[in-house]
């Protein structure tokens, strides 16, 4: 993990995604991930191109993982995985799905064009 990743805030990354119009949230459905574009994606149709981990300031067990994901049709968006006291996934479906997505880690410059 690079130093810039460790020192970045969630709001900063989310703003960079918004500016690049890549702030579409991939959400879990029974059919797979959807970016609210009417399409459903299977893990093999997606790539995790960057992962950020953030810990809560007052409680390190309150953590969030932000996955930047690219679909095979060029759609780039994100998925948030909160865990600890504020977990947003009640079952194993999300974890199983996210583990099946291939990782192709890219530099921030490639994603955000800096």
N, C-alpha and C. Protein backbone atom coordinates (compact mmCIF):
# COMPACT_ATOMS: atom_id res chain seq x y z
N UNK A 1 0.85 -1.18 0.00
CA UNK A 1 0.00 0.00 0.00
C UNK A 1 0.89 1.24 0.00
N UNK A 2 0.62 2.17 -0.86
CA UNK A 2 1.45 3.37 -0.95
C UNK A 2 1.13 4.34 0.17
N UNK A 3 2.07 5.25 0.44
CA UNK A 3 1.85 6.24 1.49
C UNK A 3 0.64 7.11 1.17
N UNK A 4 0.45 7.47 -0.11
CA UNK A 4 -0.68 8.33 -0.46
C UNK A 4 -2.00 7.64 -0.14
N UNK A 5 -2.05 6.31 -0.29
CA UNK A 5 -3.26 5.58 0.03
C UNK A 5 -3.52 5.63 1.53
N UNK A 6 -2.48 5.48 2.33
CA UNK A 6 -2.64 5.47 3.77
C UNK A 6 -3.08 6.83 4.30
N UNK A 7 -2.68 7.91 3.64
CA UNK A 7 -2.97 9.24 4.15
C UNK A 7 -4.20 9.87 3.51
N UNK A 8 -4.86 9.18 2.64
CA UNK A 8 -6.02 9.70 1.94
C UNK A 8 -7.26 9.49 2.79
N UNK A 9 -8.20 10.44 2.72
CA UNK A 9 -9.46 10.29 3.44
C UNK A 9 -10.52 9.75 2.49
N UNK A 10 -11.53 9.15 3.06
CA UNK A 10 -12.64 8.62 2.26
C UNK A 10 -13.31 9.74 1.48
N UNK A 11 -13.55 10.87 2.11
CA UNK A 11 -14.22 11.97 1.41
C UNK A 11 -13.38 12.50 0.25
N UNK A 12 -12.06 12.49 0.39
CA UNK A 12 -11.18 12.94 -0.68
C UNK A 12 -11.28 12.01 -1.89
N UNK A 13 -11.23 10.70 -1.65
CA UNK A 13 -11.34 9.74 -2.75
C UNK A 13 -12.72 9.83 -3.40
N UNK A 14 -13.76 9.94 -2.59
CA UNK A 14 -15.12 10.03 -3.14
C UNK A 14 -15.28 11.28 -4.01
N UNK A 15 -14.66 12.37 -3.61
CA UNK A 15 -14.73 13.60 -4.41
C UNK A 15 -13.98 13.42 -5.73
N UNK A 16 -12.83 12.75 -5.69
CA UNK A 16 -12.09 12.50 -6.93
C UNK A 16 -12.92 11.64 -7.88
N UNK A 17 -13.61 10.64 -7.33
CA UNK A 17 -14.48 9.81 -8.16
C UNK A 17 -15.62 10.63 -8.75
N UNK A 18 -16.21 11.53 -7.94
CA UNK A 18 -17.32 12.36 -8.41
C UNK A 18 -16.87 13.26 -9.56
N UNK A 19 -15.72 13.87 -9.41
CA UNK A 19 -15.19 14.77 -10.45
C UNK A 19 -14.97 14.02 -11.76
N UNK A 20 -14.52 12.77 -11.69
CA UNK A 20 -14.28 11.96 -12.89
C UNK A 20 -15.55 11.24 -13.37
N UNK A 21 -16.66 11.52 -12.71
CA UNK A 21 -17.95 10.86 -13.01
C UNK A 21 -17.84 9.34 -12.91
N UNK A 22 -17.11 8.92 -11.89
CA UNK A 22 -16.94 7.49 -11.62
C UNK A 22 -17.52 7.17 -10.24
N UNK A 23 -18.51 7.96 -9.82
CA UNK A 23 -19.06 7.80 -8.48
C UNK A 23 -20.35 6.98 -8.47
N UNK A 24 -20.40 5.98 -9.32
CA UNK A 24 -21.54 5.07 -9.38
C UNK A 24 -21.28 3.97 -8.37
N UNK A 25 -22.23 3.74 -7.50
CA UNK A 25 -22.04 2.70 -6.49
C UNK A 25 -22.53 1.36 -7.02
N UNK A 26 -21.64 0.38 -6.99
CA UNK A 26 -22.02 -0.99 -7.29
C UNK A 26 -22.65 -1.58 -6.03
N UNK A 27 -23.88 -2.07 -6.16
CA UNK A 27 -24.56 -2.65 -5.01
C UNK A 27 -24.86 -4.13 -5.27
N UNK A 28 -24.96 -4.87 -4.19
CA UNK A 28 -25.20 -6.31 -4.26
C UNK A 28 -26.69 -6.58 -4.46
N UNK A 29 -27.01 -7.44 -5.40
CA UNK A 29 -28.37 -7.91 -5.62
C UNK A 29 -28.30 -9.43 -5.78
N UNK A 30 -29.41 -10.12 -5.74
CA UNK A 30 -29.36 -11.57 -5.98
C UNK A 30 -28.78 -11.92 -7.36
N UNK A 31 -28.89 -11.02 -8.33
CA UNK A 31 -28.38 -11.27 -9.69
C UNK A 31 -26.91 -10.91 -9.85
N UNK A 32 -26.30 -10.27 -8.86
CA UNK A 32 -24.92 -9.83 -8.94
C UNK A 32 -24.81 -8.36 -8.59
N UNK A 33 -23.68 -7.75 -8.90
CA UNK A 33 -23.51 -6.32 -8.66
C UNK A 33 -24.25 -5.54 -9.74
N UNK A 34 -24.83 -4.42 -9.34
CA UNK A 34 -25.43 -3.53 -10.32
C UNK A 34 -24.94 -2.12 -10.05
N UNK A 35 -24.78 -1.35 -11.12
CA UNK A 35 -24.40 0.05 -11.01
C UNK A 35 -25.61 0.95 -11.27
N UNK A 36 -26.80 0.42 -11.03
CA UNK A 36 -28.06 1.15 -11.27
C UNK A 36 -28.20 1.59 -12.72
N UNK A 37 -27.62 0.81 -13.64
CA UNK A 37 -27.75 1.11 -15.07
C UNK A 37 -28.57 0.02 -15.76
N UNK A 38 -29.23 -0.81 -14.94
CA UNK A 38 -30.05 -1.87 -15.50
C UNK A 38 -29.27 -3.14 -15.81
N UNK A 39 -27.96 -3.09 -15.63
CA UNK A 39 -27.13 -4.26 -15.90
C UNK A 39 -26.72 -4.91 -14.58
N UNK A 40 -26.53 -6.22 -14.65
CA UNK A 40 -26.03 -6.97 -13.51
C UNK A 40 -24.73 -7.63 -13.92
N UNK A 41 -23.74 -7.55 -13.04
CA UNK A 41 -22.40 -8.05 -13.36
C UNK A 41 -22.04 -9.22 -12.47
N UNK A 42 -21.44 -10.22 -13.07
CA UNK A 42 -20.87 -11.35 -12.35
C UNK A 42 -19.42 -10.99 -12.01
N UNK A 43 -18.81 -11.67 -11.04
CA UNK A 43 -17.43 -11.33 -10.66
C UNK A 43 -16.46 -11.33 -11.84
N UNK A 44 -16.62 -12.27 -12.77
CA UNK A 44 -15.68 -12.34 -13.89
C UNK A 44 -15.86 -11.21 -14.90
N UNK A 45 -16.91 -10.41 -14.75
CA UNK A 45 -17.13 -9.25 -15.62
C UNK A 45 -16.62 -7.96 -14.99
N UNK A 46 -15.95 -8.09 -13.84
CA UNK A 46 -15.48 -6.93 -13.08
C UNK A 46 -14.00 -7.09 -12.75
N UNK A 47 -13.35 -5.95 -12.43
CA UNK A 47 -11.98 -5.92 -11.93
C UNK A 47 -11.92 -4.92 -10.79
N UNK A 48 -11.28 -5.29 -9.70
CA UNK A 48 -10.98 -4.31 -8.65
C UNK A 48 -9.69 -3.63 -9.07
N UNK A 49 -9.78 -2.32 -9.35
CA UNK A 49 -8.60 -1.62 -9.85
C UNK A 49 -7.88 -0.81 -8.76
N UNK A 50 -8.51 -0.66 -7.61
CA UNK A 50 -7.86 0.03 -6.48
C UNK A 50 -8.64 -0.28 -5.22
N UNK A 51 -7.92 -0.45 -4.13
CA UNK A 51 -8.54 -0.70 -2.82
C UNK A 51 -7.99 0.31 -1.82
N UNK A 52 -8.89 0.93 -1.07
CA UNK A 52 -8.50 1.84 0.00
C UNK A 52 -9.09 1.31 1.30
N UNK A 53 -8.32 1.38 2.37
CA UNK A 53 -8.81 0.97 3.69
C UNK A 53 -8.75 2.18 4.62
N UNK A 54 -9.84 2.38 5.34
CA UNK A 54 -9.93 3.50 6.28
C UNK A 54 -10.37 2.97 7.63
N UNK A 55 -9.72 3.43 8.70
CA UNK A 55 -10.11 3.05 10.05
C UNK A 55 -10.76 4.23 10.74
N UNK A 56 -11.74 3.92 11.59
CA UNK A 56 -12.41 4.96 12.36
C UNK A 56 -11.43 5.64 13.29
N UNK A 57 -11.57 6.97 13.43
CA UNK A 57 -10.62 7.71 14.27
C UNK A 57 -10.70 7.31 15.74
N UNK A 58 -11.92 7.09 16.23
CA UNK A 58 -12.08 6.78 17.65
C UNK A 58 -12.04 5.28 17.93
N UNK A 59 -12.30 4.45 16.91
CA UNK A 59 -12.34 3.01 17.11
C UNK A 59 -11.85 2.30 15.87
N UNK A 60 -10.64 1.75 15.90
CA UNK A 60 -10.09 1.08 14.72
C UNK A 60 -10.93 -0.09 14.23
N UNK A 61 -11.84 -0.62 15.07
CA UNK A 61 -12.68 -1.72 14.61
C UNK A 61 -13.81 -1.22 13.70
N UNK A 62 -14.04 0.10 13.68
CA UNK A 62 -15.02 0.68 12.76
C UNK A 62 -14.27 1.07 11.49
N UNK A 63 -14.25 0.17 10.54
CA UNK A 63 -13.43 0.36 9.36
C UNK A 63 -14.26 0.27 8.10
N UNK A 64 -13.73 0.86 7.03
CA UNK A 64 -14.38 0.84 5.73
C UNK A 64 -13.33 0.47 4.69
N UNK A 65 -13.73 -0.38 3.76
CA UNK A 65 -12.91 -0.67 2.59
C UNK A 65 -13.66 -0.12 1.39
N UNK A 66 -12.97 0.67 0.59
CA UNK A 66 -13.53 1.22 -0.65
C UNK A 66 -12.84 0.51 -1.81
N UNK A 67 -13.64 -0.18 -2.60
CA UNK A 67 -13.13 -0.85 -3.79
C UNK A 67 -13.51 0.00 -5.01
N UNK A 68 -12.54 0.36 -5.83
CA UNK A 68 -12.84 0.98 -7.11
C UNK A 68 -12.86 -0.15 -8.13
N UNK A 69 -13.98 -0.24 -8.83
CA UNK A 69 -14.24 -1.39 -9.69
C UNK A 69 -14.51 -0.94 -11.11
N UNK A 70 -13.94 -1.68 -12.07
CA UNK A 70 -14.21 -1.44 -13.48
C UNK A 70 -14.91 -2.66 -14.06
N UNK A 71 -16.03 -2.41 -14.74
CA UNK A 71 -16.77 -3.48 -15.41
C UNK A 71 -16.19 -3.69 -16.80
N UNK A 72 -16.48 -4.85 -17.39
CA UNK A 72 -15.96 -5.17 -18.72
C UNK A 72 -16.52 -4.27 -19.82
N UNK A 73 -17.58 -3.51 -19.52
CA UNK A 73 -18.13 -2.57 -20.50
C UNK A 73 -17.59 -1.15 -20.31
N UNK A 74 -16.57 -1.00 -19.42
CA UNK A 74 -15.93 0.30 -19.22
C UNK A 74 -16.48 1.12 -18.06
N UNK A 75 -17.60 0.70 -17.47
CA UNK A 75 -18.17 1.42 -16.34
C UNK A 75 -17.22 1.32 -15.15
N UNK A 76 -16.89 2.47 -14.56
CA UNK A 76 -16.06 2.50 -13.35
C UNK A 76 -16.89 3.08 -12.23
N UNK A 77 -16.86 2.40 -11.11
CA UNK A 77 -17.60 2.84 -9.94
C UNK A 77 -16.91 2.32 -8.70
N UNK A 78 -17.68 2.20 -7.62
CA UNK A 78 -17.08 1.79 -6.36
C UNK A 78 -18.06 0.92 -5.57
N UNK A 79 -17.52 0.25 -4.59
CA UNK A 79 -18.32 -0.46 -3.60
C UNK A 79 -17.69 -0.21 -2.24
N UNK A 80 -18.53 0.12 -1.28
CA UNK A 80 -18.07 0.34 0.09
C UNK A 80 -18.41 -0.87 0.92
N UNK A 81 -17.47 -1.29 1.72
CA UNK A 81 -17.69 -2.40 2.65
C UNK A 81 -17.34 -1.92 4.04
N UNK A 82 -18.36 -1.54 4.79
CA UNK A 82 -18.14 -1.13 6.18
C UNK A 82 -18.18 -2.37 7.04
N UNK A 83 -17.26 -2.44 7.98
CA UNK A 83 -17.28 -3.57 8.90
C UNK A 83 -16.97 -3.07 10.29
N UNK A 84 -17.02 -3.95 11.25
CA UNK A 84 -16.92 -3.53 12.64
C UNK A 84 -18.32 -3.20 13.13
N UNK A 85 -18.45 -2.20 13.96
CA UNK A 85 -19.74 -1.85 14.54
C UNK A 85 -20.75 -1.38 13.50
N UNK A 86 -20.29 -0.91 12.35
CA UNK A 86 -21.20 -0.34 11.36
C UNK A 86 -21.27 -1.19 10.09
N UNK A 87 -21.15 -2.48 10.23
CA UNK A 87 -21.19 -3.37 9.07
C UNK A 87 -22.46 -3.15 8.25
N UNK A 88 -22.29 -3.09 6.93
CA UNK A 88 -23.45 -2.88 6.06
C UNK A 88 -23.81 -4.12 5.26
N UNK A 89 -23.20 -5.26 5.58
CA UNK A 89 -23.52 -6.51 4.89
C UNK A 89 -23.81 -7.57 5.95
N UNK A 90 -25.06 -8.05 5.95
CA UNK A 90 -25.48 -8.99 6.98
C UNK A 90 -25.15 -10.44 6.66
N UNK A 91 -24.87 -10.73 5.41
CA UNK A 91 -24.64 -12.13 5.07
C UNK A 91 -23.31 -12.30 4.35
N UNK A 92 -23.03 -13.53 3.98
CA UNK A 92 -21.77 -13.86 3.33
C UNK A 92 -21.79 -13.60 1.83
N UNK A 93 -22.96 -13.29 1.26
CA UNK A 93 -23.07 -13.14 -0.20
C UNK A 93 -22.09 -12.08 -0.71
N UNK A 94 -22.03 -10.92 -0.07
CA UNK A 94 -21.14 -9.85 -0.52
C UNK A 94 -19.68 -10.30 -0.44
N UNK A 95 -19.29 -10.84 0.71
CA UNK A 95 -17.90 -11.27 0.89
C UNK A 95 -17.49 -12.30 -0.15
N UNK A 96 -18.36 -13.29 -0.37
CA UNK A 96 -18.05 -14.32 -1.37
C UNK A 96 -17.91 -13.70 -2.76
N UNK A 97 -18.81 -12.77 -3.09
CA UNK A 97 -18.81 -12.13 -4.40
C UNK A 97 -17.53 -11.32 -4.60
N UNK A 98 -17.20 -10.47 -3.63
CA UNK A 98 -16.05 -9.56 -3.77
C UNK A 98 -14.75 -10.35 -3.86
N UNK A 99 -14.66 -11.48 -3.17
CA UNK A 99 -13.45 -12.30 -3.23
C UNK A 99 -13.23 -12.92 -4.61
N UNK A 100 -14.29 -13.09 -5.37
CA UNK A 100 -14.20 -13.69 -6.71
C UNK A 100 -13.82 -12.70 -7.80
N UNK A 101 -13.88 -11.39 -7.49
CA UNK A 101 -13.53 -10.38 -8.48
C UNK A 101 -12.01 -10.30 -8.61
N UNK A 102 -11.48 -10.44 -9.82
CA UNK A 102 -10.02 -10.35 -9.99
C UNK A 102 -9.51 -8.95 -9.63
N UNK A 103 -8.32 -8.90 -9.08
CA UNK A 103 -7.69 -7.63 -8.70
C UNK A 103 -6.64 -7.28 -9.74
N UNK A 104 -6.73 -6.06 -10.24
CA UNK A 104 -5.75 -5.54 -11.19
C UNK A 104 -5.37 -4.14 -10.69
N UNK A 105 -4.59 -4.11 -9.63
CA UNK A 105 -4.28 -2.86 -8.93
C UNK A 105 -3.63 -1.86 -9.88
N UNK A 106 -4.18 -0.66 -9.92
CA UNK A 106 -3.64 0.41 -10.76
C UNK A 106 -3.18 1.56 -9.88
N UNK A 107 -2.28 2.33 -10.42
CA UNK A 107 -1.83 3.55 -9.74
C UNK A 107 -2.94 4.60 -9.82
N UNK A 108 -2.97 5.49 -8.84
CA UNK A 108 -3.99 6.54 -8.83
C UNK A 108 -3.94 7.39 -10.09
N UNK A 109 -2.75 7.60 -10.62
CA UNK A 109 -2.61 8.41 -11.85
C UNK A 109 -3.37 7.78 -13.00
N UNK A 110 -3.37 6.45 -13.08
CA UNK A 110 -4.09 5.77 -14.15
C UNK A 110 -5.60 5.91 -13.99
N UNK A 111 -6.06 5.94 -12.75
CA UNK A 111 -7.49 6.01 -12.49
C UNK A 111 -8.00 7.44 -12.59
N UNK A 112 -7.27 8.37 -11.96
CA UNK A 112 -7.75 9.74 -11.86
C UNK A 112 -7.09 10.69 -12.84
N UNK A 113 -6.13 10.22 -13.61
CA UNK A 113 -5.49 11.05 -14.63
C UNK A 113 -4.67 12.18 -14.07
N UNK A 114 -4.00 11.93 -12.96
CA UNK A 114 -3.19 13.00 -12.34
C UNK A 114 -1.77 12.97 -12.85
